[in-house]
Every structure is written in structure tokens, then in C-alpha cells.
Amino acid sequence: ILDGMEALLGGWGCRVLKAADFNAAI
């Protein structure tokens, strides 16, 4: 799911940060 979101949003010119949980997000 994270890879899919990165591909979609990245294709729209977004910089995407991915994380599996809250601590990884921070």
C-alpha cells in the first residue's frame, strides 16, 4: 500500500515519506 501511494503521489509531483507505524513516521 505504501509503495502504491508513493507511486501515485510521486507521479503527481509530491515528495512522499513512508512509514509503517507512528515511531517510524516521526
PDB file of all heavy atoms in Angstrom:
ATOM      1  N   ILE A   1       0.849  -1.200   0.000  1.00  0.00           N
ATOM      2  CA  ILE A   1       0.000   0.000   0.000  1.00  0.00           C
ATOM      3  C   ILE A   1       0.880   1.243   0.000  1.00  0.00           C
ATOM      4  O   ILE A   1       0.636   2.196  -0.747  1.00  0.00           O
ATOM      5  CB  ILE A   1      -0.959   0.016   1.210  1.00  0.00           C
ATOM      6  CG1 ILE A   1      -1.906  -1.173   1.171  1.00  0.00           C
ATOM      7  CG2 ILE A   1      -1.709   1.339   1.301  1.00  0.00           C
ATOM      8  CD1 ILE A   1      -2.924  -1.164   0.051  1.00  0.00           C
ATOM      9  N   LEU A   2       1.911   1.244   0.833  1.00  0.00           N
ATOM     10  CA  LEU A   2       2.830   2.386   0.876  1.00  0.00           C
ATOM     11  C   LEU A   2       3.497   2.611  -0.475  1.00  0.00           C
ATOM     12  O   LEU A   2       3.610   3.762  -0.932  1.00  0.00           O
ATOM     13  CB  LEU A   2       3.896   2.175   1.958  1.00  0.00           C
ATOM     14  CG  LEU A   2       3.442   2.327   3.402  1.00  0.00           C
ATOM     15  CD1 LEU A   2       4.576   1.959   4.351  1.00  0.00           C
ATOM     16  CD2 LEU A   2       2.938   3.731   3.673  1.00  0.00           C
ATOM     17  N   ASP A   3       3.926   1.534  -1.116  1.00  0.00           N
ATOM     18  CA  ASP A   3       4.557   1.664  -2.427  1.00  0.00           C
ATOM     19  C   ASP A   3       3.571   2.223  -3.458  1.00  0.00           C
ATOM     20  O   ASP A   3       3.934   3.049  -4.300  1.00  0.00           O
ATOM     21  CB  ASP A   3       5.108   0.324  -2.899  1.00  0.00           C
ATOM     22  CG  ASP A   3       6.321  -0.139  -2.098  1.00  0.00           C
ATOM     23  OD1 ASP A   3       6.924   0.694  -1.375  1.00  0.00           O
ATOM     24  OD2 ASP A   3       6.659  -1.338  -2.191  1.00  0.00           O
ATOM     25  N   GLY A   4       2.315   1.777  -3.388  1.00  0.00           N
ATOM     26  CA  GLY A   4       1.292   2.286  -4.297  1.00  0.00           C
ATOM     27  C   GLY A   4       1.018   3.764  -4.087  1.00  0.00           C
ATOM     28  O   GLY A   4       0.879   4.531  -5.051  1.00  0.00           O
ATOM     29  N   MET A   5       0.926   4.178  -2.812  1.00  0.00           N
ATOM     30  CA  MET A   5       0.709   5.598  -2.519  1.00  0.00           C
ATOM     31  C   MET A   5       1.887   6.441  -3.002  1.00  0.00           C
ATOM     32  O   MET A   5       1.705   7.532  -3.547  1.00  0.00           O
ATOM     33  CB  MET A   5       0.474   5.806  -1.019  1.00  0.00           C
ATOM     34  CG  MET A   5      -0.905   5.389  -0.573  1.00  0.00           C
ATOM     35  SD  MET A   5      -1.289   6.005   1.071  1.00  0.00           S
ATOM     36  CE  MET A   5      -0.984   4.566   2.050  1.00  0.00           C
ATOM     37  N   GLU A   6       3.090   5.909  -2.814  1.00  0.00           N
ATOM     38  CA  GLU A   6       4.281   6.625  -3.262  1.00  0.00           C
ATOM     39  C   GLU A   6       4.276   6.782  -4.785  1.00  0.00           C
ATOM     40  O   GLU A   6       4.580   7.867  -5.305  1.00  0.00           O
ATOM     41  CB  GLU A   6       5.538   5.894  -2.815  1.00  0.00           C
ATOM     42  CG  GLU A   6       6.818   6.593  -3.223  1.00  0.00           C
ATOM     43  CD  GLU A   6       8.058   5.866  -2.727  1.00  0.00           C
ATOM     44  OE1 GLU A   6       8.068   4.607  -2.750  1.00  0.00           O
ATOM     45  OE2 GLU A   6       9.002   6.544  -2.306  1.00  0.00           O
ATOM     46  N   ALA A   7       3.899   5.736  -5.493  1.00  0.00           N
ATOM     47  CA  ALA A   7       3.859   5.800  -6.957  1.00  0.00           C
ATOM     48  C   ALA A   7       2.810   6.804  -7.435  1.00  0.00           C
ATOM     49  O   ALA A   7       3.078   7.624  -8.327  1.00  0.00           O
ATOM     50  CB  ALA A   7       3.577   4.420  -7.545  1.00  0.00           C
ATOM     51  N   LEU A   8       1.633   6.754  -6.848  1.00  0.00           N
ATOM     52  CA  LEU A   8       0.557   7.662  -7.244  1.00  0.00           C
ATOM     53  C   LEU A   8       0.896   9.111  -6.931  1.00  0.00           C
ATOM     54  O   LEU A   8       0.880   9.978  -7.809  1.00  0.00           O
ATOM     55  CB  LEU A   8      -0.746   7.270  -6.543  1.00  0.00           C
ATOM     56  CG  LEU A   8      -1.938   8.189  -6.812  1.00  0.00           C
ATOM     57  CD1 LEU A   8      -2.375   8.073  -8.265  1.00  0.00           C
ATOM     58  CD2 LEU A   8      -3.079   7.842  -5.874  1.00  0.00           C
ATOM     59  N   LEU A   9       1.230   9.373  -5.677  1.00  0.00           N
ATOM     60  CA  LEU A   9       1.515  10.750  -5.263  1.00  0.00           C
ATOM     61  C   LEU A   9       2.791  11.285  -5.896  1.00  0.00           C
ATOM     62  O   LEU A   9       2.871  12.457  -6.271  1.00  0.00           O
ATOM     63  CB  LEU A   9       1.593  10.835  -3.733  1.00  0.00           C
ATOM     64  CG  LEU A   9       0.287  10.530  -2.997  1.00  0.00           C
ATOM     65  CD1 LEU A   9       0.539  10.371  -1.509  1.00  0.00           C
ATOM     66  CD2 LEU A   9      -0.747  11.595  -3.268  1.00  0.00           C
ATOM     67  N   GLY A  10       3.789  10.419  -6.023  1.00  0.00           N
ATOM     68  CA  GLY A  10       5.032  10.826  -6.673  1.00  0.00           C
ATOM     69  C   GLY A  10       4.800  11.201  -8.123  1.00  0.00           C
ATOM     70  O   GLY A  10       5.410  12.135  -8.652  1.00  0.00           O
ATOM     71  N   GLY A  11       3.893  10.489  -8.788  1.00  0.00           N
ATOM     72  CA  GLY A  11       3.544  10.809 -10.162  1.00  0.00           C
ATOM     73  C   GLY A  11       2.872  12.165 -10.291  1.00  0.00           C
ATOM     74  O   GLY A  11       2.885  12.763 -11.371  1.00  0.00           O
ATOM     75  N   TRP A  12       2.290  12.632  -9.219  1.00  0.00           N
ATOM     76  CA  TRP A  12       1.658  13.953  -9.201  1.00  0.00           C
ATOM     77  C   TRP A  12       2.613  15.036  -8.715  1.00  0.00           C
ATOM     78  O   TRP A  12       2.224  16.174  -8.509  1.00  0.00           O
ATOM     79  CB  TRP A  12       0.419  13.941  -8.323  1.00  0.00           C
ATOM     80  CG  TRP A  12      -0.707  13.119  -8.885  1.00  0.00           C
ATOM     81  CD1 TRP A  12      -0.889  12.740 -10.182  1.00  0.00           C
ATOM     82  CD2 TRP A  12      -1.804  12.583  -8.147  1.00  0.00           C
ATOM     83  NE1 TRP A  12      -2.035  11.996 -10.292  1.00  0.00           N
ATOM     84  CE2 TRP A  12      -2.626  11.884  -9.073  1.00  0.00           C
ATOM     85  CE3 TRP A  12      -2.186  12.617  -6.817  1.00  0.00           C
ATOM     86  CZ2 TRP A  12      -3.800  11.235  -8.689  1.00  0.00           C
ATOM     87  CZ3 TRP A  12      -3.343  11.975  -6.446  1.00  0.00           C
ATOM     88  CH2 TRP A  12      -4.145  11.297  -7.376  1.00  0.00           C
ATOM     89  N   GLY A  13       3.861  14.661  -8.478  1.00  0.00           N
ATOM     90  CA  GLY A  13       4.864  15.639  -8.081  1.00  0.00           C
ATOM     91  C   GLY A  13       5.046  15.824  -6.589  1.00  0.00           C
ATOM     92  O   GLY A  13       5.746  16.738  -6.150  1.00  0.00           O
ATOM     93  N   CYS A  14       4.453  14.950  -5.794  1.00  0.00           N
ATOM     94  CA  CYS A  14       4.606  15.038  -4.336  1.00  0.00           C
ATOM     95  C   CYS A  14       5.886  14.338  -3.899  1.00  0.00           C
ATOM     96  O   CYS A  14       6.311  13.353  -4.489  1.00  0.00           O
ATOM     97  CB  CYS A  14       3.444  14.344  -3.622  1.00  0.00           C
ATOM     98  SG  CYS A  14       1.853  15.121  -3.817  1.00  0.00           S
ATOM     99  N   ARG A  15       6.457  14.847  -2.831  1.00  0.00           N
ATOM    100  CA  ARG A  15       7.516  14.122  -2.135  1.00  0.00           C
ATOM    101  C   ARG A  15       6.803  13.265  -1.104  1.00  0.00           C
ATOM    102  O   ARG A  15       5.963  13.772  -0.347  1.00  0.00           O
ATOM    103  CB  ARG A  15       8.465  15.100  -1.442  1.00  0.00           C
ATOM    104  CG  ARG A  15       9.538  14.381  -0.665  1.00  0.00           C
ATOM    105  CD  ARG A  15      10.512  15.328  -0.032  1.00  0.00           C
ATOM    106  NE  ARG A  15      11.571  14.579   0.614  1.00  0.00           N
ATOM    107  CZ  ARG A  15      12.377  15.081   1.492  1.00  0.00           C
ATOM    108  NH1 ARG A  15      12.311  16.355   1.815  1.00  0.00           N
ATOM    109  NH2 ARG A  15      13.310  14.339   2.046  1.00  0.00           N
ATOM    110  N   VAL A  16       7.101  11.984  -1.076  1.00  0.00           N
ATOM    111  CA  VAL A  16       6.386  11.054  -0.209  1.00  0.00           C
ATOM    112  C   VAL A  16       7.321  10.481   0.840  1.00  0.00           C
ATOM    113  O   VAL A  16       8.382   9.949   0.514  1.00  0.00           O
ATOM    114  CB  VAL A  16       5.751   9.910  -1.035  1.00  0.00           C
ATOM    115  CG1 VAL A  16       5.015   8.937  -0.127  1.00  0.00           C
ATOM    116  CG2 VAL A  16       4.808  10.474  -2.100  1.00  0.00           C
ATOM    117  N   LEU A  17       6.902  10.598   2.092  1.00  0.00           N
ATOM    118  CA  LEU A  17       7.587   9.945   3.204  1.00  0.00           C
ATOM    119  C   LEU A  17       6.714   8.765   3.611  1.00  0.00           C
ATOM    120  O   LEU A  17       5.503   8.915   3.751  1.00  0.00           O
ATOM    121  CB  LEU A  17       7.756  10.904   4.384  1.00  0.00           C
ATOM    122  CG  LEU A  17       8.447  12.238   4.110  1.00  0.00           C
ATOM    123  CD1 LEU A  17       8.471  13.087   5.373  1.00  0.00           C
ATOM    124  CD2 LEU A  17       9.838  12.017   3.575  1.00  0.00           C
ATOM    125  N   LYS A  18       7.324   7.591   3.772  1.00  0.00           N
ATOM    126  CA  LYS A  18       6.568   6.382   4.099  1.00  0.00           C
ATOM    127  C   LYS A  18       6.967   5.867   5.476  1.00  0.00           C
ATOM    128  O   LYS A  18       8.133   5.927   5.845  1.00  0.00           O
ATOM    129  CB  LYS A  18       6.833   5.286   3.073  1.00  0.00           C
ATOM    130  CG  LYS A  18       6.496   5.664   1.660  1.00  0.00           C
ATOM    131  CD  LYS A  18       6.656   4.500   0.691  1.00  0.00           C
ATOM    132  CE  LYS A  18       8.038   3.920   0.625  1.00  0.00           C
ATOM    133  NZ  LYS A  18       8.189   2.846  -0.372  1.00  0.00           N
ATOM    134  N   ALA A  19       5.959   5.337   6.187  1.00  0.00           N
ATOM    135  CA  ALA A  19       6.228   4.750   7.497  1.00  0.00           C
ATOM    136  C   ALA A  19       5.190   3.677   7.791  1.00  0.00           C
ATOM    137  O   ALA A  19       4.027   3.802   7.403  1.00  0.00           O
ATOM    138  CB  ALA A  19       6.185   5.822   8.584  1.00  0.00           C
ATOM    139  N   ALA A  20       5.619   2.622   8.488  1.00  0.00           N
ATOM    140  CA  ALA A  20       4.727   1.524   8.853  1.00  0.00           C
ATOM    141  C   ALA A  20       3.995   1.781  10.164  1.00  0.00           C
ATOM    142  O   ALA A  20       2.987   1.142  10.446  1.00  0.00           O
ATOM    143  CB  ALA A  20       5.510   0.220   8.947  1.00  0.00           C
ATOM    144  N   ASP A  21       4.501   2.715  10.973  1.00  0.00           N
ATOM    145  CA  ASP A  21       3.875   2.996  12.257  1.00  0.00           C
ATOM    146  C   ASP A  21       4.244   4.408  12.717  1.00  0.00           C
ATOM    147  O   ASP A  21       4.998   5.113  12.051  1.00  0.00           O
ATOM    148  CB  ASP A  21       4.286   1.953  13.307  1.00  0.00           C
ATOM    149  CG  ASP A  21       5.792   1.858  13.511  1.00  0.00           C
ATOM    150  OD1 ASP A  21       6.489   2.895  13.486  1.00  0.00           O
ATOM    151  OD2 ASP A  21       6.281   0.720  13.712  1.00  0.00           O
ATOM    152  N   PHE A  22       3.693   4.800  13.857  1.00  0.00           N
ATOM    153  CA  PHE A  22       3.892   6.151  14.369  1.00  0.00           C
ATOM    154  C   PHE A  22       5.368   6.474  14.614  1.00  0.00           C
ATOM    155  O   PHE A  22       5.857   7.529  14.209  1.00  0.00           O
ATOM    156  CB  PHE A  22       3.077   6.353  15.650  1.00  0.00           C
ATOM    157  CG  PHE A  22       3.318   7.690  16.292  1.00  0.00           C
ATOM    158  CD1 PHE A  22       2.768   8.837  15.748  1.00  0.00           C
ATOM    159  CD2 PHE A  22       4.109   7.789  17.419  1.00  0.00           C
ATOM    160  CE1 PHE A  22       2.996  10.078  16.325  1.00  0.00           C
ATOM    161  CE2 PHE A  22       4.342   9.029  18.002  1.00  0.00           C
ATOM    162  CZ  PHE A  22       3.785  10.176  17.457  1.00  0.00           C
ATOM    163  N   ASN A  23       6.093   5.574  15.268  1.00  0.00           N
ATOM    164  CA  ASN A  23       7.500   5.849  15.572  1.00  0.00           C
ATOM    165  C   ASN A  23       8.340   5.990  14.309  1.00  0.00           C
ATOM    166  O   ASN A  23       9.202   6.868  14.217  1.00  0.00           O
ATOM    167  CB  ASN A  23       8.076   4.757  16.480  1.00  0.00           C
ATOM    168  CG  ASN A  23       7.501   4.824  17.884  1.00  0.00           C
ATOM    169  OD1 ASN A  23       7.158   5.885  18.372  1.00  0.00           O
ATOM    170  ND2 ASN A  23       7.360   3.679  18.520  1.00  0.00           N
ATOM    171  N   ALA A  24       8.071   5.145  13.316  1.00  0.00           N
ATOM    172  CA  ALA A  24       8.780   5.260  12.038  1.00  0.00           C
ATOM    173  C   ALA A  24       8.406   6.565  11.337  1.00  0.00           C
ATOM    174  O   ALA A  24       9.229   7.165  10.647  1.00  0.00           O
ATOM    175  CB  ALA A  24       8.470   4.063  11.160  1.00  0.00           C
ATOM    176  N   ALA A  25       7.169   7.012  11.523  1.00  0.00           N
ATOM    177  CA  ALA A  25       6.725   8.273  10.919  1.00  0.00           C
ATOM    178  C   ALA A  25       7.496   9.456  11.498  1.00  0.00           C
ATOM    179  O   ALA A  25       7.963  10.331  10.757  1.00  0.00           O
ATOM    180  CB  ALA A  25       5.226   8.455  11.144  1.00  0.00           C
ATOM    181  N   ILE A  26       7.653   9.477  12.807  1.00  0.00           N
ATOM    182  CA  ILE A  26       8.411  10.552  13.462  1.00  0.00           C
ATOM    183  C   ILE A  26       9.847  10.550  12.935  1.00  0.00           C
ATOM    184  O   ILE A  26      10.391  11.594  12.571  1.00  0.00           O
ATOM    185  CB  ILE A  26       8.406  10.387  14.999  1.00  0.00           C
ATOM    186  CG1 ILE A  26       6.995  10.575  15.545  1.00  0.00           C
ATOM    187  CG2 ILE A  26       9.374  11.355  15.660  1.00  0.00           C
ATOM    188  CD1 ILE A  26       6.402  11.953  15.357  1.00  0.00           C
TER     189      ILE A  26
END
